[in-house]
Amino acid sequence: MGDNDIKHWADQIAEEVIERVEKDPELKKQVKKTGYFVYDEKTPSGIIHIGSGRGWVIHDAIAKALREKGNKARFVLSSDDMDPLDKPSKELNKEDNEKYMGVPFRYIPSPIKGYKNFGDYYFKQCTDLFPDFGIDAEFESTGEEYEKGTFNKTIKTALDNADKIQKIYSDLYGEDVAAASKLPFNVKCSKCNRIATTLALEWDKKKEEIYFECSDKVVEWAKGCGYKGWISPYNGNGKFPWKVEWAAKWPSKGVIIETAGKDHFTKGGSRTIACRISVDVFNYPPPYPSKGYYKGKGYEFFTVGGKKMSTSKGRGIGFAESINYAPAMMLRFLLVRTRPNAVIDFDPYGTNDLILLYERYDRAERVYFGKEDLGEKENIKQKRIYELSHIGKISKQIPPQISLVHAATLVQIFDNKEDIIKNLKQTEHIEKGTTKEGIDYVKNRIDFAERWVKEFADEQYRFELQKKVPNVKLEKKQIQALKIIAKKLKEKNWNEKTLYDEFYNIARDEAKIEPKELFTAAYLVLLNKENGPKLAPFLLAAKEKAIKLFDSV
């Protein structure tokens, strides 16, 4: 096993990028000027799905790894709010959908009060949650960057070299593709504000103005106003087509790292074109994971129950609503522990996905605090995963660990959180001297366990503790075994291991039955079903109620 098998993927990427910068004078000069600029962008056309969140966590983890190595690094997320509304939005009424079709999102009113515009509304639904996910990012609006003149230089370069861009399109897609003969710029009509209905027909290099027409012939889904005339392309009067824009952003912002979902990295796709334009037109080295014409590989999909996230198809879990399915810290852990080139398929409903997620998080935490030893190499891996996935400052002592299943058991036994905390102290799951921070940590887990039981858990984890002995058929030896358990629960204090071992002594030595018959009898009396949660911790949690039921058999 080599060093790269131990190193976390974020550290590997950080080291690879540092090495690349050191070898490339252009990048070295850029980093000296602006630091390691980690960039990502998202079109706020509607609900943004958790698949995009994977990219945000990846970029955040890389930026953190770079900073920890003593480098200046920042992660910036841009809202591509200069993109137009290209299909009806369920948030807008019929009249507004017609009125704003083809208009950039930043010029469409927000469907909810309190936001600057339509794009700001959807963007902030996600970015407001970044502190919960531990994502340290700066935010910007692509539209504002256009208005500020950030892209003026690359706009001029692109229009002056329109023939080069057109040739790149024709080389990749053939001469019949529209972009192979069009000017690489979309003007925002100065009369109707639409950007999807304009056609740039001529670029005056000396005057630095574009002649354009706004018409019904550009796209089928939006109607132009018929206005035509000359206009400067600068300071927010339009935008690049997406694939050209991606390339133009890199030198305009000084981007060193920007990855994306693997669908952008398909052969001949948007990353392929962006890399060629970046090299041939803007003379800028494409950011990691690309190098020159080599596009590299994007990160894999985040699927839910095997279905790819899609904003346009309204499918999957939205990033903003994802915290209803798992706490943000657990989702971050899932994203950090999984290499970007591995598919994540997460299904909270009726599976063990959430149980496993909690167990893996708790194991990494135990390793970090030296409470579990998985061997030197695995310890290194787990500690780093914990460091990069932890949100906020890591506490000096390990917080109380209550498994999701045990927490779920307790919420079905006790009526309130205070009684659960009291029981956890009695069973020493919460040790003496535990801080308020530790207690709050447990309470958060209890809160989610309650939601898990109600909404996601498989039937085997759901139960109802009986108030009186149900009408079940038991053998005499089974009844005897239950009464012995009740007697022993009264006589001394047990822990999970000693009580579990005692079940076998009672079954085989005293009641003369198979242990399985003892467990079945206990579950039938306690829950009116033949199985349930682990019996030992369950009895310790529901001790008084269990004794009463077993004595009444």
Protein backbone atom coordinates (compact mmCIF):
# COMPACT_ATOMS: atom_id res chain seq x y z
CA MET A 1 0.00 0.00 0.00
CA GLY A 2 1.58 3.29 -1.14
CA ASP A 3 1.23 6.77 0.33
CA ASN A 4 -1.58 7.61 -2.08
CA ASP A 5 -3.63 4.73 -0.72
CA ILE A 6 -3.45 6.34 2.72
CA LYS A 7 -3.81 10.00 1.74
CA HIS A 8 -7.26 11.47 1.52
CA TRP A 9 -8.36 12.37 -2.00
CA ALA A 10 -8.52 16.09 -1.13
CA ASP A 11 -4.87 16.02 0.01
CA GLN A 12 -3.85 14.13 -3.13
CA ILE A 13 -5.56 16.70 -5.35
CA ALA A 14 -4.06 19.60 -3.39
CA GLU A 15 -0.55 18.16 -3.78
CA GLU A 16 -1.06 17.46 -7.47
CA VAL A 17 -2.26 21.04 -8.07
CA ILE A 18 0.62 22.55 -6.08
CA GLU A 19 3.10 20.54 -8.14
CA ARG A 20 1.43 21.63 -11.39
CA VAL A 21 1.53 25.29 -10.38
CA GLU A 22 5.22 25.07 -9.48
CA LYS A 23 5.98 23.71 -12.96
CA ASP A 24 3.85 26.22 -14.91
CA PRO A 25 5.13 29.84 -14.94
CA GLU A 26 1.71 31.19 -15.99
CA LEU A 27 -0.10 29.43 -13.14
CA LYS A 28 2.66 30.31 -10.66
CA LYS A 29 2.29 33.96 -11.57
CA GLN A 30 -1.50 33.71 -11.20
CA VAL A 31 -1.32 32.01 -7.78
CA LYS A 32 1.14 34.64 -6.54
CA LYS A 33 -1.41 37.27 -7.52
CA THR A 34 -4.71 35.72 -6.41
CA GLY A 35 -3.84 32.55 -4.48
CA TYR A 36 -5.31 29.14 -5.26
CA PHE A 37 -8.70 30.13 -6.66
CA VAL A 38 -11.16 27.22 -6.35
CA TYR A 39 -14.32 27.89 -8.36
CA ASP A 40 -17.73 26.40 -8.96
CA GLU A 41 -20.95 27.68 -10.47
CA LYS A 42 -24.60 26.79 -10.64
CA THR A 43 -27.55 28.01 -12.69
CA PRO A 44 -30.38 28.88 -10.25
CA SER A 45 -33.16 27.77 -12.61
CA GLY A 46 -35.12 25.97 -9.92
CA ILE A 47 -34.60 23.60 -7.00
CA ILE A 48 -30.90 22.73 -6.87
CA HIS A 49 -30.35 19.05 -6.14
CA ILE A 50 -27.95 17.44 -3.73
CA GLY A 51 -25.83 16.23 -6.65
CA SER A 52 -24.60 19.82 -6.93
CA GLY A 53 -23.83 19.72 -3.22
CA ARG A 54 -21.31 17.00 -3.95
CA GLY A 55 -19.32 19.44 -6.06
CA TRP A 56 -19.49 22.11 -3.38
CA VAL A 57 -18.16 19.79 -0.69
CA ILE A 58 -15.42 18.52 -3.05
CA HIS A 59 -14.26 22.07 -3.80
CA ASP A 60 -14.48 23.06 -0.14
CA ALA A 61 -12.42 20.04 0.97
CA ILE A 62 -9.73 20.79 -1.64
CA ALA A 63 -9.54 24.45 -0.58
CA LYS A 64 -9.23 23.37 3.07
CA ALA A 65 -6.46 20.90 2.20
CA LEU A 66 -4.59 23.65 0.33
CA ARG A 67 -4.88 26.05 3.27
CA GLU A 68 -3.69 23.41 5.71
CA LYS A 69 -0.56 23.06 3.57
CA GLY A 70 0.16 26.76 4.13
CA ASN A 71 -1.31 28.13 0.91
CA LYS A 72 -3.69 30.99 0.31
CA ALA A 73 -6.82 29.33 -1.08
CA ARG A 74 -10.45 30.37 -1.39
CA PHE A 75 -13.52 28.64 -2.70
CA VAL A 76 -15.94 30.85 -4.63
CA LEU A 77 -19.36 29.72 -5.81
CA SER A 78 -21.04 31.77 -8.52
CA SER A 79 -24.72 31.94 -9.36
CA ASP A 80 -25.10 31.80 -13.15
CA ASP A 81 -28.04 34.19 -12.92
CA MET A 82 -27.39 35.66 -16.35
CA ASP A 83 -28.78 32.46 -17.87
CA PRO A 84 -32.35 32.81 -19.21
CA LEU A 85 -35.60 31.23 -18.10
CA ASP A 86 -36.06 28.58 -20.81
CA LYS A 87 -39.09 26.65 -19.56
CA PRO A 88 -42.13 27.53 -17.45
CA SER A 89 -41.47 27.68 -13.71
CA LYS A 90 -44.01 26.24 -11.28
CA GLU A 91 -43.21 29.21 -9.01
CA LEU A 92 -44.50 31.73 -11.58
CA ASN A 93 -48.04 32.17 -12.85
CA LYS A 94 -48.89 31.72 -16.53
CA GLU A 95 -48.69 35.45 -17.28
CA ASP A 96 -45.25 35.85 -15.68
CA ASN A 97 -43.93 32.71 -17.35
CA GLU A 98 -44.83 34.22 -20.73
CA LYS A 99 -43.52 37.65 -19.74
CA TYR A 100 -40.12 36.46 -18.52
CA MET A 101 -39.41 33.55 -20.89
CA GLY A 102 -35.93 34.18 -22.32
CA VAL A 103 -35.06 36.80 -19.67
CA PRO A 104 -32.02 36.23 -17.39
CA PHE A 105 -32.91 34.99 -13.91
CA ARG A 106 -31.41 38.08 -12.26
CA TYR A 107 -34.01 40.28 -14.01
CA ILE A 108 -37.00 38.14 -12.98
CA PRO A 109 -38.70 39.00 -9.66
CA SER A 110 -38.34 36.49 -6.84
CA PRO A 111 -41.42 34.31 -6.34
CA ILE A 112 -40.95 34.85 -2.58
CA LYS A 113 -40.42 38.22 -0.90
CA GLY A 114 -37.05 38.90 0.72
CA TYR A 115 -34.80 37.97 -2.21
CA LYS A 116 -33.22 40.18 -4.86
CA ASN A 117 -34.58 38.19 -7.79
CA PHE A 118 -35.61 34.75 -9.07
CA GLY A 119 -32.02 33.49 -9.24
CA ASP A 120 -31.17 34.83 -5.78
CA TYR A 121 -34.14 32.95 -4.29
CA TYR A 122 -33.05 29.51 -5.52
CA PHE A 123 -29.36 30.15 -4.94
CA LYS A 124 -29.83 31.26 -1.33
CA GLN A 125 -32.05 28.29 -0.55
CA CYS A 126 -28.79 26.34 -0.77
CA THR A 127 -26.10 28.80 0.30
CA ASP A 128 -27.96 29.72 3.50
CA LEU A 129 -27.31 26.12 4.57
CA PHE A 130 -23.55 26.18 3.90
CA PRO A 131 -22.67 26.81 7.58
CA ASP A 132 -24.65 23.66 8.48
CA PHE A 133 -22.60 21.67 5.96
CA GLY A 134 -19.32 23.26 7.04
CA ILE A 135 -18.79 24.67 3.56
CA ASP A 136 -16.53 27.72 3.69
CA ALA A 137 -17.31 29.62 0.49
CA GLU A 138 -17.62 33.11 -0.91
CA PHE A 139 -20.57 33.84 -3.18
CA GLU A 140 -20.88 35.88 -6.30
CA SER A 141 -23.31 36.54 -9.12
CA THR A 142 -22.12 35.90 -12.67
CA GLY A 143 -24.47 38.69 -13.80
CA GLU A 144 -22.84 41.13 -11.40
CA GLU A 145 -19.42 40.08 -12.67
CA TYR A 146 -20.54 40.91 -16.20
CA GLU A 147 -21.88 44.28 -15.01
CA LYS A 148 -18.66 45.06 -13.14
CA GLY A 149 -16.69 44.49 -16.33
CA THR A 150 -14.84 41.42 -15.07
CA PHE A 151 -15.35 39.69 -18.43
CA ASN A 152 -14.83 42.73 -20.70
CA LYS A 153 -11.31 41.69 -21.68
CA THR A 154 -12.32 38.11 -22.54
CA ILE A 155 -15.44 39.36 -24.36
CA LYS A 156 -13.25 41.45 -26.67
CA THR A 157 -10.77 38.59 -27.12
CA ALA A 158 -13.56 36.14 -27.98
CA LEU A 159 -15.25 38.47 -30.47
CA ASP A 160 -11.92 39.43 -32.06
CA ASN A 161 -11.21 35.71 -32.45
CA ALA A 162 -14.72 34.57 -33.31
CA ASP A 163 -13.38 32.62 -36.28
CA LYS A 164 -11.16 30.52 -33.98
CA ILE A 165 -14.09 29.68 -31.71
CA GLN A 166 -16.29 28.84 -34.69
CA LYS A 167 -13.58 26.52 -36.04
CA ILE A 168 -13.35 24.73 -32.67
CA TYR A 169 -17.10 24.07 -32.88
CA SER A 170 -16.94 22.91 -36.49
CA ASP A 171 -13.93 20.66 -35.78
CA LEU A 172 -15.78 18.98 -32.91
CA TYR A 173 -19.37 18.98 -34.17
CA GLY A 174 -19.23 19.68 -37.90
CA GLU A 175 -19.95 22.83 -39.89
CA ASP A 176 -23.73 22.44 -39.64
CA VAL A 177 -23.85 23.24 -35.94
CA ALA A 178 -25.16 26.78 -35.37
CA ALA A 179 -22.23 27.84 -33.17
CA ALA A 180 -19.84 27.17 -36.07
CA SER A 181 -21.14 30.27 -37.85
CA LYS A 182 -22.44 32.53 -35.05
CA LEU A 183 -20.67 35.23 -33.07
CA PRO A 184 -19.88 33.79 -29.62
CA PHE A 185 -21.98 36.26 -27.65
CA ASN A 186 -25.62 36.64 -26.64
CA VAL A 187 -26.77 40.25 -26.37
CA LYS A 188 -29.34 41.24 -23.76
CA CYS A 189 -31.98 43.17 -25.71
CA SER A 190 -31.96 46.76 -24.50
CA LYS A 191 -35.71 47.00 -25.08
CA CYS A 192 -37.25 43.73 -23.76
CA ASN A 193 -34.38 42.42 -21.55
CA ARG A 194 -34.49 39.02 -23.25
CA ILE A 195 -31.19 37.32 -23.90
CA ALA A 196 -32.43 34.11 -25.54
CA THR A 197 -34.11 35.84 -28.50
CA THR A 198 -31.21 37.93 -29.76
CA LEU A 199 -28.84 37.13 -32.59
CA ALA A 200 -25.46 38.87 -32.77
CA LEU A 201 -24.88 39.52 -36.48
CA GLU A 202 -21.82 41.78 -36.68
CA TRP A 203 -18.87 42.81 -34.50
CA ASP A 204 -17.29 46.21 -35.12
CA LYS A 205 -13.76 45.73 -33.85
CA LYS A 206 -12.91 49.45 -33.85
CA LYS A 207 -16.08 50.76 -32.24
CA GLU A 208 -16.29 47.62 -30.07
CA GLU A 209 -20.01 47.29 -30.69
CA ILE A 210 -22.26 44.43 -31.80
CA TYR A 211 -25.13 44.71 -34.24
CA PHE A 212 -27.98 42.46 -33.10
CA GLU A 213 -31.61 41.64 -33.79
CA CYS A 214 -34.20 40.46 -31.27
CA SER A 215 -36.59 38.13 -33.11
CA ASP A 216 -38.92 35.13 -32.93
CA LYS A 217 -36.59 33.06 -35.11
CA VAL A 218 -33.81 32.43 -32.58
CA VAL A 219 -35.60 29.95 -30.28
CA GLU A 220 -39.02 28.32 -30.37
CA TRP A 221 -39.81 28.81 -26.69
CA ALA A 222 -39.45 32.61 -26.39
CA LYS A 223 -40.63 35.53 -28.54
CA GLY A 224 -38.38 38.45 -29.42
CA CYS A 225 -39.61 42.05 -29.56
CA GLY A 226 -38.25 42.91 -33.02
CA TYR A 227 -35.75 45.50 -31.80
CA LYS A 228 -32.44 45.79 -33.68
CA GLY A 229 -29.39 47.98 -33.34
CA TRP A 230 -25.77 48.42 -32.24
CA ILE A 231 -24.68 47.95 -28.63
CA SER A 232 -21.53 47.58 -26.58
CA PRO A 233 -21.16 43.98 -25.36
CA TYR A 234 -19.53 45.12 -22.12
CA ASN A 235 -20.69 45.71 -18.54
CA GLY A 236 -23.72 43.42 -18.48
CA ASN A 237 -25.14 44.02 -21.95
CA GLY A 238 -25.02 40.32 -22.67
CA LYS A 239 -23.25 37.06 -21.95
CA PHE A 240 -21.24 34.33 -23.59
CA PRO A 241 -22.90 31.06 -24.66
CA TRP A 242 -22.34 28.60 -21.81
CA LYS A 243 -19.41 26.61 -23.22
CA VAL A 244 -17.52 29.76 -24.20
CA GLU A 245 -18.41 31.36 -20.88
CA TRP A 246 -16.89 28.47 -18.95
CA ALA A 247 -13.57 28.99 -20.72
CA ALA A 248 -13.77 32.79 -20.40
CA LYS A 249 -14.30 32.64 -16.64
CA TRP A 250 -11.00 30.87 -16.02
CA PRO A 251 -8.64 33.67 -17.11
CA SER A 252 -11.10 36.38 -16.03
CA LYS A 253 -11.15 35.08 -12.46
CA GLY A 254 -7.75 33.33 -12.33
CA VAL A 255 -9.29 29.90 -11.69
CA ILE A 256 -6.83 27.17 -10.69
CA ILE A 257 -9.28 24.40 -9.72
CA GLU A 258 -12.79 23.75 -11.00
CA THR A 259 -14.24 20.33 -11.47
CA ALA A 260 -17.83 19.37 -12.33
CA GLY A 261 -20.13 16.38 -12.72
CA LYS A 262 -18.97 13.73 -15.17
CA ASP A 263 -21.76 14.57 -17.63
CA HIS A 264 -19.81 17.77 -18.46
CA PHE A 265 -16.73 15.67 -19.16
CA THR A 266 -18.16 13.41 -21.84
CA LYS A 267 -16.21 13.13 -25.10
CA GLY A 268 -16.75 16.28 -27.12
CA GLY A 269 -18.82 17.80 -24.29
CA SER A 270 -18.74 21.21 -22.64
CA ARG A 271 -15.39 20.65 -20.88
CA THR A 272 -13.73 19.54 -24.11
CA ILE A 273 -14.75 22.75 -25.90
CA ALA A 274 -13.99 24.95 -22.89
CA CYS A 275 -10.45 23.53 -22.67
CA ARG A 276 -9.79 24.16 -26.36
CA ILE A 277 -11.13 27.71 -26.22
CA SER A 278 -9.14 28.39 -23.05
CA VAL A 279 -5.90 27.24 -24.70
CA ASP A 280 -6.39 28.45 -28.30
CA VAL A 281 -8.26 31.70 -27.72
CA PHE A 282 -7.56 32.93 -24.19
CA ASN A 283 -4.09 31.41 -23.84
CA TYR A 284 -4.88 30.26 -20.29
CA PRO A 285 -4.14 26.82 -18.77
CA PRO A 286 -7.49 25.13 -18.01
CA PRO A 287 -7.98 24.45 -14.29
CA TYR A 288 -7.62 21.09 -12.54
CA PRO A 289 -8.61 18.37 -13.43
CA SER A 290 -7.96 19.51 -17.01
CA LYS A 291 -4.55 20.12 -18.54
CA GLY A 292 -4.29 21.67 -21.96
CA TYR A 293 -6.65 19.86 -24.32
CA TYR A 294 -6.93 16.97 -21.85
CA LYS A 295 -10.24 17.46 -20.11
CA GLY A 296 -9.63 15.08 -17.20
CA LYS A 297 -12.48 13.44 -15.32
CA GLY A 298 -15.43 14.94 -13.46
CA TYR A 299 -16.94 13.61 -10.26
CA GLU A 300 -19.48 10.81 -10.31
CA PHE A 301 -23.21 11.17 -9.80
CA PHE A 302 -25.04 11.29 -6.50
CA THR A 303 -28.07 9.07 -6.99
CA VAL A 304 -31.01 8.40 -4.71
CA GLY A 305 -32.31 4.88 -5.00
CA GLY A 306 -30.39 4.53 -8.27
CA LYS A 307 -31.90 7.62 -9.90
CA LYS A 308 -29.65 10.47 -11.07
CA MET A 309 -30.42 13.90 -9.66
CA SER A 310 -31.96 16.23 -12.22
CA THR A 311 -33.12 19.80 -11.69
CA SER A 312 -34.82 19.91 -15.07
CA LYS A 313 -36.77 16.70 -14.48
CA GLY A 314 -37.67 17.55 -10.88
CA ARG A 315 -36.26 14.28 -9.64
CA GLY A 316 -34.40 13.36 -6.47
CA ILE A 317 -33.62 15.26 -3.29
CA GLY A 318 -33.08 19.01 -3.33
CA PHE A 319 -29.94 20.24 -1.55
CA ALA A 320 -32.02 22.54 0.64
CA GLU A 321 -34.38 19.72 1.66
CA SER A 322 -31.61 17.11 2.05
CA ILE A 323 -31.30 17.94 5.76
CA ASN A 324 -34.77 16.43 6.19
CA TYR A 325 -33.33 13.06 5.16
CA ALA A 326 -30.07 13.15 7.11
CA PRO A 327 -28.30 15.75 9.25
CA ALA A 328 -25.95 18.01 7.28
CA MET A 329 -22.93 16.70 9.19
CA MET A 330 -23.75 13.13 8.13
CA LEU A 331 -24.23 14.11 4.48
CA ARG A 332 -20.92 15.97 4.52
CA PHE A 333 -19.26 12.89 6.01
CA LEU A 334 -20.75 10.74 3.24
CA LEU A 335 -19.43 13.12 0.58
CA VAL A 336 -15.99 13.52 2.16
CA ARG A 337 -15.37 9.82 2.78
CA THR A 338 -16.30 8.86 -0.80
CA ARG A 339 -13.77 9.45 -3.56
CA PRO A 340 -15.10 11.81 -6.28
CA ASN A 341 -14.77 9.08 -8.94
CA ALA A 342 -17.11 6.73 -7.05
CA VAL A 343 -20.89 6.83 -7.49
CA ILE A 344 -22.87 7.57 -4.33
CA ASP A 345 -26.24 5.85 -4.19
CA PHE A 346 -28.08 6.92 -1.06
CA ASP A 347 -31.58 5.79 -0.25
CA PRO A 348 -32.98 6.74 3.17
CA TYR A 349 -36.24 4.81 2.76
CA GLY A 350 -36.52 1.30 4.15
CA THR A 351 -32.80 0.52 3.82
CA ASN A 352 -29.85 0.37 6.20
CA ASP A 353 -28.13 3.30 4.47
CA LEU A 354 -28.67 5.72 7.35
CA ILE A 355 -27.73 3.15 9.99
CA LEU A 356 -24.46 2.42 8.16
CA LEU A 357 -23.77 6.12 7.67
CA TYR A 358 -24.06 6.78 11.40
CA GLU A 359 -22.00 3.71 12.26
CA ARG A 360 -19.20 4.75 9.90
CA TYR A 361 -19.19 8.28 11.25
CA ASP A 362 -19.03 7.03 14.84
CA ARG A 363 -16.20 4.65 13.97
CA ALA A 364 -14.16 7.46 12.37
CA GLU A 365 -14.81 9.55 15.47
CA ARG A 366 -13.63 6.77 17.80
CA VAL A 367 -10.48 6.35 15.72
CA TYR A 368 -9.83 10.10 15.79
CA PHE A 369 -10.08 10.19 19.58
CA GLY A 370 -8.02 7.03 20.01
CA LYS A 371 -10.93 4.92 21.25
CA GLU A 372 -10.63 2.34 18.47
CA ASP A 373 -7.61 1.00 16.62
CA LEU A 374 -8.00 -0.16 13.02
CA GLY A 375 -4.28 -0.40 12.31
CA GLU A 376 -1.86 2.40 11.49
CA LYS A 377 -2.82 2.98 7.84
CA GLU A 378 -6.57 2.76 8.34
CA ASN A 379 -6.30 4.99 11.41
CA ILE A 380 -4.60 7.68 9.31
CA LYS A 381 -7.38 7.48 6.69
CA GLN A 382 -10.23 7.59 9.19
CA LYS A 383 -8.71 10.47 11.18
CA ARG A 384 -8.35 12.58 8.05
CA ILE A 385 -11.90 11.81 6.92
CA TYR A 386 -13.13 12.92 10.34
CA GLU A 387 -11.08 16.13 10.22
CA LEU A 388 -12.32 17.13 6.77
CA SER A 389 -15.93 16.17 7.43
CA HIS A 390 -16.25 17.66 10.92
CA ILE A 391 -18.23 20.89 11.07
CA GLY A 392 -16.86 23.59 13.32
CA LYS A 393 -14.13 23.22 15.91
CA ILE A 394 -13.39 19.63 16.97
CA SER A 395 -14.03 19.22 20.71
CA LYS A 396 -11.29 18.06 23.07
CA GLN A 397 -13.24 15.01 24.22
CA ILE A 398 -15.23 12.50 22.23
CA PRO A 399 -18.98 13.21 22.43
CA PRO A 400 -21.29 10.48 23.76
CA GLN A 401 -21.95 7.94 21.04
CA ILE A 402 -25.51 6.64 20.85
CA SER A 403 -26.15 4.46 17.81
CA LEU A 404 -29.03 5.49 15.57
CA VAL A 405 -30.77 2.18 16.25
CA HIS A 406 -30.47 2.54 20.02
CA ALA A 407 -31.66 6.15 19.87
CA ALA A 408 -34.59 4.97 17.75
CA THR A 409 -35.38 2.32 20.34
CA LEU A 410 -35.41 4.88 23.14
CA VAL A 411 -37.73 7.32 21.37
CA GLN A 412 -40.26 4.49 21.11
CA ILE A 413 -39.97 3.62 24.80
CA PHE A 414 -39.95 7.04 26.47
CA ASP A 415 -42.37 9.92 26.11
CA ASN A 416 -39.87 12.78 26.17
CA LYS A 417 -36.24 13.67 25.57
CA GLU A 418 -35.46 14.37 29.24
CA ASP A 419 -36.41 10.80 30.20
CA ILE A 420 -34.21 9.47 27.41
CA ILE A 421 -31.23 11.52 28.62
CA LYS A 422 -31.88 10.30 32.17
CA ASN A 423 -31.90 6.69 30.98
CA LEU A 424 -28.69 7.16 28.98
CA LYS A 425 -27.00 8.48 32.10
CA GLN A 426 -28.25 5.47 34.08
CA THR A 427 -26.92 3.06 31.45
CA GLU A 428 -23.66 5.08 31.32
CA HIS A 429 -24.01 5.84 27.62
CA ILE A 430 -23.63 9.40 28.87
CA GLU A 431 -20.75 9.51 31.33
CA LYS A 432 -20.45 11.76 34.38
CA GLY A 433 -18.86 15.09 33.51
CA THR A 434 -20.25 15.18 29.97
CA THR A 435 -20.44 18.80 28.82
CA LYS A 436 -23.59 20.62 27.73
CA GLU A 437 -22.15 20.44 24.20
CA GLY A 438 -22.05 16.65 24.52
CA ILE A 439 -25.63 16.48 25.81
CA ASP A 440 -26.83 18.70 22.95
CA TYR A 441 -25.03 16.40 20.51
CA VAL A 442 -27.02 13.45 21.89
CA LYS A 443 -30.27 15.41 21.75
CA ASN A 444 -29.70 16.16 18.07
CA ARG A 445 -29.23 12.47 17.41
CA ILE A 446 -32.40 11.68 19.33
CA ASP A 447 -34.30 14.25 17.25
CA PHE A 448 -33.18 12.63 14.02
CA ALA A 449 -33.84 9.12 15.36
CA GLU A 450 -37.44 10.14 15.98
CA ARG A 451 -37.76 11.34 12.39
CA TRP A 452 -36.03 8.22 11.11
CA VAL A 453 -38.52 5.95 12.89
CA LYS A 454 -41.53 7.89 11.61
CA GLU A 455 -40.43 8.40 8.01
CA PHE A 456 -37.60 6.12 6.89
CA ALA A 457 -36.99 3.07 9.08
CA ASP A 458 -37.79 -0.43 7.92
CA GLU A 459 -40.63 -2.16 9.78
CA GLN A 460 -38.17 -4.27 11.79
CA TYR A 461 -37.03 -1.13 13.66
CA ARG A 462 -40.52 0.03 14.52
CA PHE A 463 -42.45 -1.24 17.51
CA GLU A 464 -44.94 -0.37 20.20
CA LEU A 465 -44.08 -1.31 23.79
CA GLN A 466 -47.16 -3.06 25.19
CA LYS A 467 -48.94 -1.63 28.22
CA LYS A 468 -50.26 -5.08 29.22
CA VAL A 469 -49.41 -8.63 28.21
CA PRO A 470 -50.87 -9.25 24.72
CA ASN A 471 -52.85 -12.36 23.86
CA VAL A 472 -49.93 -14.54 22.77
CA LYS A 473 -49.34 -18.27 23.09
CA LEU A 474 -46.24 -19.24 25.13
CA GLU A 475 -44.87 -22.57 26.36
CA LYS A 476 -44.47 -23.09 30.12
CA LYS A 477 -40.67 -23.03 29.81
CA GLN A 478 -40.80 -19.73 27.93
CA ILE A 479 -42.95 -18.21 30.70
CA GLN A 480 -40.50 -19.55 33.28
CA ALA A 481 -37.58 -17.95 31.41
CA LEU A 482 -39.29 -14.54 31.32
CA LYS A 483 -40.03 -14.64 35.05
CA ILE A 484 -36.39 -15.53 35.76
CA ILE A 485 -35.29 -12.53 33.64
CA ALA A 486 -37.64 -10.25 35.61
CA LYS A 487 -36.24 -11.57 38.91
CA LYS A 488 -32.64 -11.07 37.83
CA LEU A 489 -33.33 -7.55 36.52
CA LYS A 490 -34.55 -6.66 40.04
CA GLU A 491 -31.61 -8.26 41.83
CA LYS A 492 -28.63 -6.41 40.32
CA ASN A 493 -27.44 -3.85 37.81
CA TRP A 494 -26.44 -5.28 34.45
CA ASN A 495 -24.66 -3.95 31.42
CA GLU A 496 -25.43 -4.97 27.86
CA LYS A 497 -22.75 -7.69 27.67
CA THR A 498 -23.40 -9.31 31.04
CA LEU A 499 -27.16 -9.32 30.50
CA TYR A 500 -26.79 -10.73 26.99
CA ASP A 501 -24.59 -13.56 28.33
CA GLU A 502 -27.11 -14.17 31.10
CA PHE A 503 -29.89 -14.82 28.56
CA TYR A 504 -28.00 -17.92 27.41
CA ASN A 505 -27.44 -19.11 30.99
CA ILE A 506 -31.14 -18.69 31.74
CA ALA A 507 -32.24 -20.44 28.55
CA ARG A 508 -29.94 -23.45 28.65
CA ASP A 509 -29.22 -23.98 32.35
CA GLU A 510 -32.38 -22.82 34.12
CA ALA A 511 -35.36 -22.88 31.72
CA LYS A 512 -33.94 -25.68 29.54
CA ILE A 513 -34.98 -24.07 26.25
CA GLU A 514 -33.18 -22.86 23.16
CA PRO A 515 -32.06 -19.20 23.41
CA LYS A 516 -34.12 -18.44 20.30
CA GLU A 517 -37.29 -19.49 22.16
CA LEU A 518 -36.41 -17.13 25.00
CA PHE A 519 -35.90 -14.18 22.63
CA THR A 520 -39.13 -14.92 20.76
CA ALA A 521 -41.10 -15.07 24.02
CA ALA A 522 -39.61 -11.78 25.23
CA TYR A 523 -40.46 -9.96 22.01
CA LEU A 524 -43.99 -11.37 21.89
CA VAL A 525 -44.72 -10.12 25.41
CA LEU A 526 -42.96 -6.79 25.05
CA LEU A 527 -43.90 -5.87 21.48
CA ASN A 528 -46.51 -8.39 20.31
CA LYS A 529 -44.17 -9.43 17.47
CA GLU A 530 -41.56 -12.17 17.14
CA ASN A 531 -38.52 -9.92 16.79
CA GLY A 532 -37.35 -6.45 17.63
CA PRO A 533 -34.34 -4.38 18.68
CA LYS A 534 -31.40 -5.99 20.49
CA LEU A 535 -32.92 -7.41 23.65
CA ALA A 536 -30.24 -6.55 26.23
CA PRO A 537 -30.08 -2.78 25.64
CA PHE A 538 -33.84 -2.75 25.13
CA LEU A 539 -34.49 -4.34 28.56
CA LEU A 540 -32.01 -2.01 30.24
CA ALA A 541 -33.82 0.96 28.72
CA ALA A 542 -37.35 -0.30 29.46
CA LYS A 543 -36.41 -2.08 32.68
CA GLU A 544 -39.39 -1.19 34.90
CA LYS A 545 -41.95 -1.72 32.15
CA ALA A 546 -40.35 -5.02 31.11
CA ILE A 547 -40.28 -6.37 34.66
CA LYS A 548 -43.97 -5.53 35.05
CA LEU A 549 -44.88 -7.31 31.80
CA PHE A 550 -42.75 -10.41 32.49
CA ASP A 551 -44.14 -10.73 36.03
CA SER A 552 -47.66 -10.55 34.61
CA VAL A 553 -47.23 -13.40 32.10
